[in-house]
């Protein structure tokens, strides 16, 4: 597994400078003078389109280390679609509703290949079979195992997209999350071929993300752009292959998960669309209280690593308790920062 990480790392490290040449030639720049977005932090044009080297790194490493099955085919077809839509957005800033619709299509393609959440572990004992629960809508039958998988994949794609607000934040989170899921998958690799596949792809994702970090850490030479949703798609997939390791993924990505949930609820409560842009994510709040981009990225990495290590030692019941605590602590911290910022702004306005 270490070899797949190293090969993916090396490929991404090599292709990123060449991708930058293409990205600049295509005019994929995030220019603060023309790109009107409240969350922009930089003051000069930075290339975006980092999804391209991330996809190439995972794809070519996958050709070497993953079995060329139907699942392999559809994963990379869906990832390629996510990349194309992302690169178009990096160039033209297309509608978020079009992007969201594309996310759903990508998730459905993956689920139709056979990837779903067949069960979830009951913290009180036993398992709950989702593949035996379904609903009928006209002539269509929707199984809960497929619905949960689609919702999860789309959620991870969008949640991690929101978690690239400061340089180096996203690739660090993805690297740590993929390594955690990879080690958990190894526990079941002798029992299930899907777990072996998930472990290999997890370490491939981790290698590509870690290599990209060298170009994205502050000050960034390239931004991930929306095309990086191709990578988030694959991370979501490995988190549900064999054994439905959703609780582990929720824990290791706990901070961006809760931040994303609070963001959606906050926007809806204020009468805005969940896709409405603002500068009130957790990383933006930390910036307004004086933390540097590097320190914020390190904060996210350290917390993710700690939660990832803890998740590998807990039972299903322990993970449920830990997730509840993460929700309370992180959610409470975000709400406290919002209140403190409001008080700070009121004082400054006097």
C-alpha atoms as a PDB file:
ATOM      1  CA  UNK A   1       0.000   0.000   0.000  1.00  0.00           C
ATOM      2  CA  UNK A   2       2.916   2.310   0.691  1.00  0.00           C
ATOM      3  CA  UNK A   3       4.054   1.882  -2.903  1.00  0.00           C
ATOM      4  CA  UNK A   4       0.700   3.100  -4.274  1.00  0.00           C
ATOM      5  CA  UNK A   5       0.980   6.193  -2.054  1.00  0.00           C
ATOM      6  CA  UNK A   6       4.513   6.900  -3.274  1.00  0.00           C
ATOM      7  CA  UNK A   7       3.701   6.388  -6.976  1.00  0.00           C
ATOM      8  CA  UNK A   8       0.620   8.619  -6.761  1.00  0.00           C
ATOM      9  CA  UNK A   9       2.664  11.215  -4.879  1.00  0.00           C
ATOM     10  CA  UNK A  10       5.447  11.130  -7.478  1.00  0.00           C
ATOM     11  CA  UNK A  11       3.100  11.324 -10.483  1.00  0.00           C
ATOM     12  CA  UNK A  12       1.196  14.283  -9.026  1.00  0.00           C
ATOM     13  CA  UNK A  13       4.437  16.008  -8.065  1.00  0.00           C
ATOM     14  CA  UNK A  14       5.650  15.710 -11.666  1.00  0.00           C
ATOM     15  CA  UNK A  15       2.417  16.514 -13.517  1.00  0.00           C
ATOM     16  CA  UNK A  16       1.459  19.573 -11.456  1.00  0.00           C
ATOM     17  CA  UNK A  17       4.111  21.898 -12.988  1.00  0.00           C
ATOM     18  CA  UNK A  18       3.135  20.704 -16.481  1.00  0.00           C
ATOM     19  CA  UNK A  19      -0.546  21.138 -15.612  1.00  0.00           C
ATOM     20  CA  UNK A  20       0.222  24.698 -14.546  1.00  0.00           C
ATOM     21  CA  UNK A  21       1.463  25.423 -18.065  1.00  0.00           C
ATOM     22  CA  UNK A  22      -1.831  24.196 -19.539  1.00  0.00           C
ATOM     23  CA  UNK A  23      -3.902  25.918 -16.864  1.00  0.00           C
ATOM     24  CA  UNK A  24      -2.233  29.263 -17.572  1.00  0.00           C
ATOM     25  CA  UNK A  25      -2.614  28.727 -21.327  1.00  0.00           C
ATOM     26  CA  UNK A  26      -6.342  28.039 -20.858  1.00  0.00           C
ATOM     27  CA  UNK A  27      -6.672  31.188 -18.751  1.00  0.00           C
ATOM     28  CA  UNK A  28      -7.824  29.410 -15.595  1.00  0.00           C
ATOM     29  CA  UNK A  29      -7.006  32.175 -13.131  1.00  0.00           C
ATOM     30  CA  UNK A  30      -8.705  33.303  -9.961  1.00  0.00           C
ATOM     31  CA  UNK A  31      -8.385  37.039 -10.480  1.00  0.00           C
ATOM     32  CA  UNK A  32      -9.753  39.086  -7.553  1.00  0.00           C
ATOM     33  CA  UNK A  33     -10.364  42.008  -9.928  1.00  0.00           C
ATOM     34  CA  UNK A  34     -12.800  40.048 -12.096  1.00  0.00           C
ATOM     35  CA  UNK A  35     -13.953  37.190  -9.832  1.00  0.00           C
ATOM     36  CA  UNK A  36     -16.386  38.814  -7.439  1.00  0.00           C
ATOM     37  CA  UNK A  37     -16.541  36.440  -4.485  1.00  0.00           C
ATOM     38  CA  UNK A  38     -16.758  37.523  -0.823  1.00  0.00           C
ATOM     39  CA  UNK A  39     -14.452  34.709   0.330  1.00  0.00           C
ATOM     40  CA  UNK A  40     -11.460  35.708  -1.822  1.00  0.00           C
ATOM     41  CA  UNK A  41      -8.328  36.297   0.277  1.00  0.00           C
ATOM     42  CA  UNK A  42      -5.616  36.847  -2.345  1.00  0.00           C
ATOM     43  CA  UNK A  43      -4.902  40.149  -4.083  1.00  0.00           C
ATOM     44  CA  UNK A  44      -3.297  38.930  -7.313  1.00  0.00           C
ATOM     45  CA  UNK A  45      -4.314  36.370  -9.990  1.00  0.00           C
ATOM     46  CA  UNK A  46      -3.591  32.763  -8.927  1.00  0.00           C
ATOM     47  CA  UNK A  47      -3.992  29.780 -11.296  1.00  0.00           C
ATOM     48  CA  UNK A  48      -6.860  27.506 -10.418  1.00  0.00           C
ATOM     49  CA  UNK A  49      -7.615  24.155 -11.919  1.00  0.00           C
ATOM     50  CA  UNK A  50      -5.710  22.002  -9.429  1.00  0.00           C
ATOM     51  CA  UNK A  51      -8.277  19.286  -9.989  1.00  0.00           C
ATOM     52  CA  UNK A  52      -6.412  18.400 -13.192  1.00  0.00           C
ATOM     53  CA  UNK A  53      -3.102  17.206 -11.634  1.00  0.00           C
ATOM     54  CA  UNK A  54      -5.028  15.622  -8.747  1.00  0.00           C
ATOM     55  CA  UNK A  55      -7.108  13.602 -11.198  1.00  0.00           C
ATOM     56  CA  UNK A  56      -4.101  12.648 -13.330  1.00  0.00           C
ATOM     57  CA  UNK A  57      -2.130  11.535 -10.285  1.00  0.00           C
ATOM     58  CA  UNK A  58      -4.909   9.281  -9.006  1.00  0.00           C
ATOM     59  CA  UNK A  59      -5.875   7.973 -12.443  1.00  0.00           C
ATOM     60  CA  UNK A  60      -2.402   6.888 -13.589  1.00  0.00           C
ATOM     61  CA  UNK A  61      -1.575   5.404 -10.192  1.00  0.00           C
ATOM     62  CA  UNK A  62      -4.950   3.636 -10.307  1.00  0.00           C
ATOM     63  CA  UNK A  63      -4.054   2.092 -13.659  1.00  0.00           C
ATOM     64  CA  UNK A  64      -1.032   0.470 -11.991  1.00  0.00           C
ATOM     65  CA  UNK A  65      -2.509  -0.643  -8.678  1.00  0.00           C
ATOM     66  CA  UNK A  66      -6.274  -1.090  -9.039  1.00  0.00           C
ATOM     67  CA  UNK A  67      -8.062  -3.988 -10.767  1.00  0.00           C
ATOM     68  CA  UNK A  68      -9.682  -2.815 -13.992  1.00  0.00           C
ATOM     69  CA  UNK A  69     -13.193  -3.778 -12.997  1.00  0.00           C
ATOM     70  CA  UNK A  70     -16.537  -2.181 -13.743  1.00  0.00           C
ATOM     71  CA  UNK A  71     -16.267  -0.256 -10.477  1.00  0.00           C
ATOM     72  CA  UNK A  72     -12.856   1.125 -11.504  1.00  0.00           C
ATOM     73  CA  UNK A  73     -14.288   2.186 -14.863  1.00  0.00           C
ATOM     74  CA  UNK A  74     -17.310   4.013 -13.477  1.00  0.00           C
ATOM     75  CA  UNK A  75     -15.430   5.670 -10.630  1.00  0.00           C
ATOM     76  CA  UNK A  76     -13.055   7.341 -13.054  1.00  0.00           C
ATOM     77  CA  UNK A  77     -15.808   8.106 -15.582  1.00  0.00           C
ATOM     78  CA  UNK A  78     -17.692   9.925 -12.809  1.00  0.00           C
ATOM     79  CA  UNK A  79     -14.485  11.589 -11.598  1.00  0.00           C
ATOM     80  CA  UNK A  80     -13.670  12.715 -15.148  1.00  0.00           C
ATOM     81  CA  UNK A  81     -17.144  14.250 -15.451  1.00  0.00           C
ATOM     82  CA  UNK A  82     -16.666  16.066 -12.137  1.00  0.00           C
ATOM     83  CA  UNK A  83     -13.276  17.306 -13.373  1.00  0.00           C
ATOM     84  CA  UNK A  84     -14.679  18.618 -16.667  1.00  0.00           C
ATOM     85  CA  UNK A  85     -17.538  20.458 -14.948  1.00  0.00           C
ATOM     86  CA  UNK A  86     -15.045  21.803 -12.408  1.00  0.00           C
ATOM     87  CA  UNK A  87     -12.636  23.093 -15.040  1.00  0.00           C
ATOM     88  CA  UNK A  88     -15.524  24.783 -16.849  1.00  0.00           C
ATOM     89  CA  UNK A  89     -16.463  26.452 -13.575  1.00  0.00           C
ATOM     90  CA  UNK A  90     -12.841  27.486 -13.011  1.00  0.00           C
ATOM     91  CA  UNK A  91     -12.983  29.207 -16.398  1.00  0.00           C
ATOM     92  CA  UNK A  92     -16.525  30.560 -16.604  1.00  0.00           C
ATOM     93  CA  UNK A  93     -17.923  30.525 -13.008  1.00  0.00           C
ATOM     94  CA  UNK A  94     -20.988  28.525 -14.005  1.00  0.00           C
ATOM     95  CA  UNK A  95     -24.162  28.383 -11.934  1.00  0.00           C
ATOM     96  CA  UNK A  96     -23.835  26.547  -8.590  1.00  0.00           C
ATOM     97  CA  UNK A  97     -27.105  24.796  -9.412  1.00  0.00           C
ATOM     98  CA  UNK A  98     -25.571  23.342 -12.582  1.00  0.00           C
ATOM     99  CA  UNK A  99     -22.559  22.208 -10.566  1.00  0.00           C
ATOM    100  CA  UNK A 100     -24.810  20.639  -7.935  1.00  0.00           C
ATOM    101  CA  UNK A 101     -26.827  18.812 -10.606  1.00  0.00           C
ATOM    102  CA  UNK A 102     -23.557  17.482 -12.046  1.00  0.00           C
ATOM    103  CA  UNK A 103     -22.592  16.244  -8.564  1.00  0.00           C
ATOM    104  CA  UNK A 104     -25.815  14.251  -8.399  1.00  0.00           C
ATOM    105  CA  UNK A 105     -25.221  12.746 -11.855  1.00  0.00           C
ATOM    106  CA  UNK A 106     -21.682  11.720 -10.839  1.00  0.00           C
ATOM    107  CA  UNK A 107     -22.983  10.095  -7.657  1.00  0.00           C
ATOM    108  CA  UNK A 108     -25.702   8.203  -9.544  1.00  0.00           C
ATOM    109  CA  UNK A 109     -23.151   6.871 -12.052  1.00  0.00           C
ATOM    110  CA  UNK A 110     -21.083   5.489  -9.186  1.00  0.00           C
ATOM    111  CA  UNK A 111     -24.069   3.975  -7.381  1.00  0.00           C
ATOM    112  CA  UNK A 112     -25.280   2.327 -10.598  1.00  0.00           C
ATOM    113  CA  UNK A 113     -21.904   0.567 -10.805  1.00  0.00           C
ATOM    114  CA  UNK A 114     -22.743  -1.277  -7.581  1.00  0.00           C
ATOM    115  CA  UNK A 115     -21.380   0.994  -4.856  1.00  0.00           C
ATOM    116  CA  UNK A 116     -23.912   1.673  -2.107  1.00  0.00           C
ATOM    117  CA  UNK A 117     -24.378   1.666   1.657  1.00  0.00           C
ATOM    118  CA  UNK A 118     -25.953  -1.771   2.180  1.00  0.00           C
ATOM    119  CA  UNK A 119     -26.056  -1.460   5.970  1.00  0.00           C
ATOM    120  CA  UNK A 120     -25.121   0.697   8.925  1.00  0.00           C
ATOM    121  CA  UNK A 121     -23.952  -0.640  12.252  1.00  0.00           C
ATOM    122  CA  UNK A 122     -26.430  -0.297  15.078  1.00  0.00           C
ATOM    123  CA  UNK A 123     -24.578   1.201  18.084  1.00  0.00           C
ATOM    124  CA  UNK A 124     -26.751  -0.885  20.412  1.00  0.00           C
ATOM    125  CA  UNK A 125     -25.828  -4.073  18.568  1.00  0.00           C
ATOM    126  CA  UNK A 126     -26.371  -5.707  15.210  1.00  0.00           C
ATOM    127  CA  UNK A 127     -26.784  -3.967  11.874  1.00  0.00           C
ATOM    128  CA  UNK A 128     -29.546  -2.154  10.022  1.00  0.00           C
ATOM    129  CA  UNK A 129     -29.957  -3.411   6.448  1.00  0.00           C
ATOM    130  CA  UNK A 130     -30.580  -0.464   4.121  1.00  0.00           C
ATOM    131  CA  UNK A 131     -30.658  -2.619   0.993  1.00  0.00           C
ATOM    132  CA  UNK A 132     -33.929  -4.176   2.140  1.00  0.00           C
ATOM    133  CA  UNK A 133     -35.645  -0.811   2.648  1.00  0.00           C
ATOM    134  CA  UNK A 134     -37.138   0.972  -0.354  1.00  0.00           C
ATOM    135  CA  UNK A 135     -39.786   3.402  -1.489  1.00  0.00           C
ATOM    136  CA  UNK A 136     -41.926   3.384  -4.634  1.00  0.00           C
ATOM    137  CA  UNK A 137     -42.460   6.544  -6.641  1.00  0.00           C
ATOM    138  CA  UNK A 138     -44.608   5.711  -9.621  1.00  0.00           C
ATOM    139  CA  UNK A 139     -42.812   3.091 -11.669  1.00  0.00           C
ATOM    140  CA  UNK A 140     -39.483   3.707  -9.902  1.00  0.00           C
ATOM    141  CA  UNK A 141     -38.142   1.905  -6.843  1.00  0.00           C
ATOM    142  CA  UNK A 142     -35.524   3.653  -4.741  1.00  0.00           C
ATOM    143  CA  UNK A 143     -33.512   1.609  -2.240  1.00  0.00           C
ATOM    144  CA  UNK A 144     -32.292   3.401   0.855  1.00  0.00           C
ATOM    145  CA  UNK A 145     -28.840   1.890   0.335  1.00  0.00           C
ATOM    146  CA  UNK A 146     -28.566   3.772  -2.974  1.00  0.00           C
ATOM    147  CA  UNK A 147     -30.194   6.980  -1.733  1.00  0.00           C
ATOM    148  CA  UNK A 148     -27.858   7.236   1.259  1.00  0.00           C
ATOM    149  CA  UNK A 149     -24.858   6.638  -1.011  1.00  0.00           C
ATOM    150  CA  UNK A 150     -25.900   9.399  -3.432  1.00  0.00           C
ATOM    151  CA  UNK A 151     -26.589  11.855  -0.602  1.00  0.00           C
ATOM    152  CA  UNK A 152     -23.268  11.035   1.074  1.00  0.00           C
ATOM    153  CA  UNK A 153     -21.196  11.418  -2.101  1.00  0.00           C
ATOM    154  CA  UNK A 154     -22.820  14.745  -3.024  1.00  0.00           C
ATOM    155  CA  UNK A 155     -22.435  15.995   0.550  1.00  0.00           C
ATOM    156  CA  UNK A 156     -18.721  15.158   0.735  1.00  0.00           C
ATOM    157  CA  UNK A 157     -18.085  16.769  -2.663  1.00  0.00           C
ATOM    158  CA  UNK A 158     -19.645  20.043  -1.531  1.00  0.00           C
ATOM    159  CA  UNK A 159     -18.484  20.006   2.082  1.00  0.00           C
ATOM    160  CA  UNK A 160     -14.826  19.556   1.119  1.00  0.00           C
ATOM    161  CA  UNK A 161     -15.193  22.189  -1.601  1.00  0.00           C
ATOM    162  CA  UNK A 162     -16.124  24.642   1.153  1.00  0.00           C
ATOM    163  CA  UNK A 163     -13.033  23.521   3.088  1.00  0.00           C
ATOM    164  CA  UNK A 164     -10.448  24.980   0.735  1.00  0.00           C
ATOM    165  CA  UNK A 165     -10.792  28.533   2.007  1.00  0.00           C
ATOM    166  CA  UNK A 166      -7.174  28.977   3.078  1.00  0.00           C
ATOM    167  CA  UNK A 167      -4.040  27.743   1.338  1.00  0.00           C
ATOM    168  CA  UNK A 168      -3.182  24.132   2.163  1.00  0.00           C
ATOM    169  CA  UNK A 169      -6.339  23.482   4.155  1.00  0.00           C
ATOM    170  CA  UNK A 170      -8.053  21.040   1.808  1.00  0.00           C
ATOM    171  CA  UNK A 171      -5.163  18.809   0.646  1.00  0.00           C
ATOM    172  CA  UNK A 172      -4.082  18.290   4.254  1.00  0.00           C
ATOM    173  CA  UNK A 173      -7.584  17.266   5.339  1.00  0.00           C
ATOM    174  CA  UNK A 174      -7.967  14.908   2.372  1.00  0.00           C
ATOM    175  CA  UNK A 175      -4.529  13.344   2.920  1.00  0.00           C
ATOM    176  CA  UNK A 176      -5.241  12.583   6.572  1.00  0.00           C
ATOM    177  CA  UNK A 177      -8.797  11.387   5.873  1.00  0.00           C
ATOM    178  CA  UNK A 178      -7.677   9.079   3.062  1.00  0.00           C
ATOM    179  CA  UNK A 179      -4.869   7.562   5.150  1.00  0.00           C
ATOM    180  CA  UNK A 180      -7.283   6.938   8.037  1.00  0.00           C
ATOM    181  CA  UNK A 181      -9.839   5.266   5.758  1.00  0.00           C
ATOM    182  CA  UNK A 182      -7.033   3.312   4.082  1.00  0.00           C
ATOM    183  CA  UNK A 183      -5.806   1.828   7.354  1.00  0.00           C
ATOM    184  CA  UNK A 184      -9.346   0.933   8.378  1.00  0.00           C
ATOM    185  CA  UNK A 185      -9.924  -0.743   5.000  1.00  0.00           C
ATOM    186  CA  UNK A 186      -6.801  -2.856   5.495  1.00  0.00           C
ATOM    187  CA  UNK A 187      -8.435  -4.481   8.521  1.00  0.00           C
ATOM    188  CA  UNK A 188     -11.053  -6.049   6.244  1.00  0.00           C
ATOM    189  CA  UNK A 189      -8.877  -6.654   3.169  1.00  0.00           C
ATOM    190  CA  UNK A 190      -8.493 -10.372   3.887  1.00  0.00           C
ATOM    191  CA  UNK A 191     -12.271 -10.775   4.002  1.00  0.00           C
ATOM    192  CA  UNK A 192     -13.465  -8.554   1.201  1.00  0.00           C
ATOM    193  CA  UNK A 193     -11.979  -7.591  -2.178  1.00  0.00           C
ATOM    194  CA  UNK A 194     -13.780  -4.251  -2.054  1.00  0.00           C
ATOM    195  CA  UNK A 195     -11.827  -3.415   1.093  1.00  0.00           C
ATOM    196  CA  UNK A 196      -8.546  -4.103  -0.714  1.00  0.00           C
ATOM    197  CA  UNK A 197      -9.700  -1.875  -3.577  1.00  0.00           C
ATOM    198  CA  UNK A 198     -10.753   0.839  -1.100  1.00  0.00           C
ATOM    199  CA  UNK A 199      -7.425   0.637   0.743  1.00  0.00           C
ATOM    200  CA  UNK A 200      -5.393   0.980  -2.458  1.00  0.00           C
ATOM    201  CA  UNK A 201      -7.486   3.871  -3.752  1.00  0.00           C
ATOM    202  CA  UNK A 202      -7.353   5.568  -0.339  1.00  0.00           C
ATOM    203  CA  UNK A 203      -3.563   5.600  -0.319  1.00  0.00           C
ATOM    204  CA  UNK A 204      -3.527   6.732  -3.957  1.00  0.00           C
ATOM    205  CA  UNK A 205      -5.791   9.661  -3.018  1.00  0.00           C
ATOM    206  CA  UNK A 206      -3.557  10.441  -0.041  1.00  0.00           C
ATOM    207  CA  UNK A 207      -0.409  10.440  -2.176  1.00  0.00           C
ATOM    208  CA  UNK A 208      -1.904  12.791  -4.771  1.00  0.00           C
ATOM    209  CA  UNK A 209      -3.236  15.160  -2.108  1.00  0.00           C
ATOM    210  CA  UNK A 210       0.057  15.242  -0.228  1.00  0.00           C
ATOM    211  CA  UNK A 211       1.977  16.062  -3.419  1.00  0.00           C
ATOM    212  CA  UNK A 212      -0.479  18.822  -4.288  1.00  0.00           C
ATOM    213  CA  UNK A 213       0.066  20.303  -0.841  1.00  0.00           C
ATOM    214  CA  UNK A 214       3.589  21.324  -1.884  1.00  0.00           C
ATOM    215  CA  UNK A 215       2.050  23.659  -4.457  1.00  0.00           C
ATOM    216  CA  UNK A 216      -1.001  24.758  -2.473  1.00  0.00           C
ATOM    217  CA  UNK A 217       0.460  25.565   0.959  1.00  0.00           C
ATOM    218  CA  UNK A 218       0.701  29.276   1.726  1.00  0.00           C
ATOM    219  CA  UNK A 219       1.558  31.155  -0.413  1.00  0.00           C
ATOM    220  CA  UNK A 220      -0.266  28.976  -2.956  1.00  0.00           C
ATOM    221  CA  UNK A 221       1.082  28.592  -6.475  1.00  0.00           C
ATOM    222  CA  UNK A 222      -2.171  26.938  -7.581  1.00  0.00           C
ATOM    223  CA  UNK A 223      -5.687  26.611  -6.179  1.00  0.00           C
ATOM    224  CA  UNK A 224      -7.659  23.324  -6.233  1.00  0.00           C
ATOM    225  CA  UNK A 225     -10.577  24.910  -8.082  1.00  0.00           C
ATOM    226  CA  UNK A 226     -13.924  23.170  -8.423  1.00  0.00           C
ATOM    227  CA  UNK A 227     -12.334  20.384 -10.475  1.00  0.00           C
ATOM    228  CA  UNK A 228     -10.939  18.989  -7.231  1.00  0.00           C
ATOM    229  CA  UNK A 229     -14.440  17.645  -6.561  1.00  0.00           C
ATOM    230  CA  UNK A 230     -13.237  14.672  -8.648  1.00  0.00           C
ATOM    231  CA  UNK A 231     -10.923  13.820  -5.749  1.00  0.00           C
ATOM    232  CA  UNK A 232     -13.608  14.422  -3.121  1.00  0.00           C
ATOM    233  CA  UNK A 233     -15.884  12.086  -5.060  1.00  0.00           C
ATOM    234  CA  UNK A 234     -13.299   9.304  -4.817  1.00  0.00           C
ATOM    235  CA  UNK A 235     -12.758   9.945  -1.104  1.00  0.00           C
ATOM    236  CA  UNK A 236     -16.504   9.644  -0.516  1.00  0.00           C
ATOM    237  CA  UNK A 237     -16.531   6.373  -2.458  1.00  0.00           C
ATOM    238  CA  UNK A 238     -13.742   4.691  -0.469  1.00  0.00           C
ATOM    239  CA  UNK A 239     -15.451   5.723   2.755  1.00  0.00           C
ATOM    240  CA  UNK A 240     -18.523   3.633   1.869  1.00  0.00           C
ATOM    241  CA  UNK A 241     -16.898   0.639   0.146  1.00  0.00           C
ATOM    242  CA  UNK A 242     -17.025  -2.576   2.154  1.00  0.00           C
ATOM    243  CA  UNK A 243     -18.208  -2.159   5.687  1.00  0.00           C
ATOM    244  CA  UNK A 244     -19.765   1.291   5.248  1.00  0.00           C
ATOM    245  CA  UNK A 245     -17.068   3.238   7.101  1.00  0.00           C
ATOM    246  CA  UNK A 246     -19.179   6.374   7.310  1.00  0.00           C
ATOM    247  CA  UNK A 247     -18.695   6.925  11.027  1.00  0.00           C
ATOM    248  CA  UNK A 248     -14.914   6.954  10.631  1.00  0.00           C
ATOM    249  CA  UNK A 249     -15.138   9.411   7.723  1.00  0.00           C
ATOM    250  CA  UNK A 250     -17.518  11.647   9.682  1.00  0.00           C
ATOM    251  CA  UNK A 251     -15.089  11.710  12.590  1.00  0.00           C
ATOM    252  CA  UNK A 252     -11.875  12.406  10.686  1.00  0.00           C
ATOM    253  CA  UNK A 253     -13.626  15.142   8.659  1.00  0.00           C
ATOM    254  CA  UNK A 254     -15.556  16.280  11.728  1.00  0.00           C
ATOM    255  CA  UNK A 255     -14.558  19.959  11.707  1.00  0.00           C
ATOM    256  CA  UNK A 256     -15.402  20.695   8.043  1.00  0.00           C
ATOM    257  CA  UNK A 257     -18.495  18.490   8.375  1.00  0.00           C
ATOM    258  CA  UNK A 258     -19.913  20.525  11.263  1.00  0.00           C
ATOM    259  CA  UNK A 259     -18.847  23.791   9.625  1.00  0.00           C
ATOM    260  CA  UNK A 260     -20.692  22.777   6.470  1.00  0.00           C
ATOM    261  CA  UNK A 261     -23.817  21.833   8.417  1.00  0.00           C
ATOM    262  CA  UNK A 262     -23.783  25.123  10.370  1.00  0.00           C
ATOM    263  CA  UNK A 263     -23.245  27.030   7.115  1.00  0.00           C
ATOM    264  CA  UNK A 264     -26.300  25.477   5.459  1.00  0.00           C
ATOM    265  CA  UNK A 265     -28.530  26.045   8.509  1.00  0.00           C
ATOM    266  CA  UNK A 266     -27.251  29.621   8.918  1.00  0.00           C
ATOM    267  CA  UNK A 267     -27.905  30.513   5.281  1.00  0.00           C
ATOM    268  CA  UNK A 268     -31.362  28.965   5.281  1.00  0.00           C
ATOM    269  CA  UNK A 269     -32.231  30.718   8.560  1.00  0.00           C
ATOM    270  CA  UNK A 270     -31.237  34.066   7.035  1.00  0.00           C
ATOM    271  CA  UNK A 271     -33.401  33.423   3.968  1.00  0.00           C
ATOM    272  CA  UNK A 272     -30.512  32.708   1.599  1.00  0.00           C
ATOM    273  CA  UNK A 273     -29.779  29.756  -0.655  1.00  0.00           C
ATOM    274  CA  UNK A 274     -27.324  27.169   0.732  1.00  0.00           C
ATOM    275  CA  UNK A 275     -25.195  28.043  -2.318  1.00  0.00           C
ATOM    276  CA  UNK A 276     -25.081  31.726  -1.360  1.00  0.00           C
ATOM    277  CA  UNK A 277     -21.497  32.899  -0.876  1.00  0.00           C
ATOM    278  CA  UNK A 278     -20.280  34.570   2.295  1.00  0.00           C
ATOM    279  CA  UNK A 279     -17.200  34.933   4.462  1.00  0.00           C
ATOM    280  CA  UNK A 280     -18.454  33.244   7.601  1.00  0.00           C
ATOM    281  CA  UNK A 281     -16.992  29.739   7.416  1.00  0.00           C
ATOM    282  CA  UNK A 282     -14.927  28.687  10.405  1.00  0.00           C
ATOM    283  CA  UNK A 283     -11.640  29.412   8.614  1.00  0.00           C
ATOM    284  CA  UNK A 284     -12.888  32.919   7.753  1.00  0.00           C
ATOM    285  CA  UNK A 285     -13.838  33.532  11.380  1.00  0.00           C
ATOM    286  CA  UNK A 286     -10.388  32.415  12.547  1.00  0.00           C
ATOM    287  CA  UNK A 287      -8.794  34.775  10.017  1.00  0.00           C
ATOM    288  CA  UNK A 288     -10.843  37.680  11.345  1.00  0.00           C
ATOM    289  CA  UNK A 289      -9.576  36.925  14.840  1.00  0.00           C
ATOM    290  CA  UNK A 290      -5.965  37.184  13.730  1.00  0.00           C
ATOM    291  CA  UNK A 291      -4.834  33.647  12.859  1.00  0.00           C
ATOM    292  CA  UNK A 292      -2.672  33.318   9.756  1.00  0.00           C
ATOM    293  CA  UNK A 293      -3.536  31.047   6.838  1.00  0.00           C
ATOM    294  CA  UNK A 294      -0.698  28.693   7.756  1.00  0.00           C
ATOM    295  CA  UNK A 295      -1.862  28.360  11.360  1.00  0.00           C
ATOM    296  CA  UNK A 296      -5.452  27.748  10.305  1.00  0.00           C
ATOM    297  CA  UNK A 297      -4.375  25.013   7.887  1.00  0.00           C
ATOM    298  CA  UNK A 298      -2.237  23.420  10.619  1.00  0.00           C
ATOM    299  CA  UNK A 299      -5.175  23.612  13.035  1.00  0.00           C
ATOM    300  CA  UNK A 300      -7.390  21.685  10.613  1.00  0.00           C
ATOM    301  CA  UNK A 301      -4.677  19.089   9.963  1.00  0.00           C
ATOM    302  CA  UNK A 302      -3.921  18.504  13.649  1.00  0.00           C
ATOM    303  CA  UNK A 303      -7.575  18.150  14.634  1.00  0.00           C
ATOM    304  CA  UNK A 304      -8.251  15.820  11.684  1.00  0.00           C
ATOM    305  CA  UNK A 305      -5.227  13.672  12.571  1.00  0.00           C
ATOM    306  CA  UNK A 306      -6.269  13.413  16.222  1.00  0.00           C
ATOM    307  CA  UNK A 307      -9.854  12.521  15.338  1.00  0.00           C
ATOM    308  CA  UNK A 308      -8.625  10.039  12.738  1.00  0.00           C
ATOM    309  CA  UNK A 309      -6.408   8.241  15.240  1.00  0.00           C
ATOM    310  CA  UNK A 310      -9.213   8.154  17.802  1.00  0.00           C
ATOM    311  CA  UNK A 311     -11.676   6.778  15.244  1.00  0.00           C
ATOM    312  CA  UNK A 312      -9.408   3.784  14.573  1.00  0.00           C
ATOM    313  CA  UNK A 313      -9.618   2.738  18.231  1.00  0.00           C
ATOM    314  CA  UNK A 314     -13.342   3.154  18.892  1.00  0.00           C
ATOM    315  CA  UNK A 315     -16.257   0.753  18.652  1.00  0.00           C
ATOM    316  CA  UNK A 316     -19.416   1.710  16.777  1.00  0.00           C
ATOM    317  CA  UNK A 317     -21.015   2.933  19.997  1.00  0.00           C
ATOM    318  CA  UNK A 318     -17.888   4.906  20.838  1.00  0.00           C
ATOM    319  CA  UNK A 319     -17.894   6.547  17.411  1.00  0.00           C
ATOM    320  CA  UNK A 320     -21.530   7.587  17.820  1.00  0.00           C
ATOM    321  CA  UNK A 321     -20.708   9.222  21.151  1.00  0.00           C
ATOM    322  CA  UNK A 322     -17.622  10.886  19.647  1.00  0.00           C
ATOM    323  CA  UNK A 323     -19.623  12.245  16.674  1.00  0.00           C
ATOM    324  CA  UNK A 324     -22.191  13.744  19.053  1.00  0.00           C
ATOM    325  CA  UNK A 325     -19.385  15.375  21.060  1.00  0.00           C
ATOM    326  CA  UNK A 326     -17.756  16.740  17.875  1.00  0.00           C
ATOM    327  CA  UNK A 327     -21.095  18.198  16.818  1.00  0.00           C
ATOM    328  CA  UNK A 328     -21.596  19.866  20.196  1.00  0.00           C
ATOM    329  CA  UNK A 329     -18.036  21.138  20.681  1.00  0.00           C
ATOM    330  CA  UNK A 330     -17.285  22.300  17.121  1.00  0.00           C
ATOM    331  CA  UNK A 331     -20.802  23.621  16.572  1.00  0.00           C
ATOM    332  CA  UNK A 332     -20.672  25.487  19.885  1.00  0.00           C
ATOM    333  CA  UNK A 333     -17.254  26.923  19.048  1.00  0.00           C
ATOM    334  CA  UNK A 334     -18.460  28.180  15.646  1.00  0.00           C
ATOM    335  CA  UNK A 335     -21.555  29.789  17.148  1.00  0.00           C
ATOM    336  CA  UNK A 336     -19.410  31.404  19.873  1.00  0.00           C
ATOM    337  CA  UNK A 337     -17.070  32.840  17.244  1.00  0.00           C
ATOM    338  CA  UNK A 338     -20.044  34.244  15.346  1.00  0.00           C
ATOM    339  CA  UNK A 339     -21.296  35.926  18.525  1.00  0.00           C
ATOM    340  CA  UNK A 340     -17.835  37.248  19.358  1.00  0.00           C
ATOM    341  CA  UNK A 341     -17.452  38.637  15.830  1.00  0.00           C
ATOM    342  CA  UNK A 342     -20.797  40.396  16.083  1.00  0.00           C
ATOM    343  CA  UNK A 343     -19.769  41.988  19.386  1.00  0.00           C
ATOM    344  CA  UNK A 344     -16.403  42.973  17.899  1.00  0.00           C
ATOM    345  CA  UNK A 345     -18.049  44.599  14.871  1.00  0.00           C
ATOM    346  CA  UNK A 346     -20.516  46.477  17.066  1.00  0.00           C
ATOM    347  CA  UNK A 347     -17.671  47.873  19.171  1.00  0.00           C
ATOM    348  CA  UNK A 348     -15.760  48.926  16.068  1.00  0.00           C
ATOM    349  CA  UNK A 349     -18.832  50.712  14.692  1.00  0.00           C
ATOM    350  CA  UNK A 350     -19.256  52.848  17.818  1.00  0.00           C
END
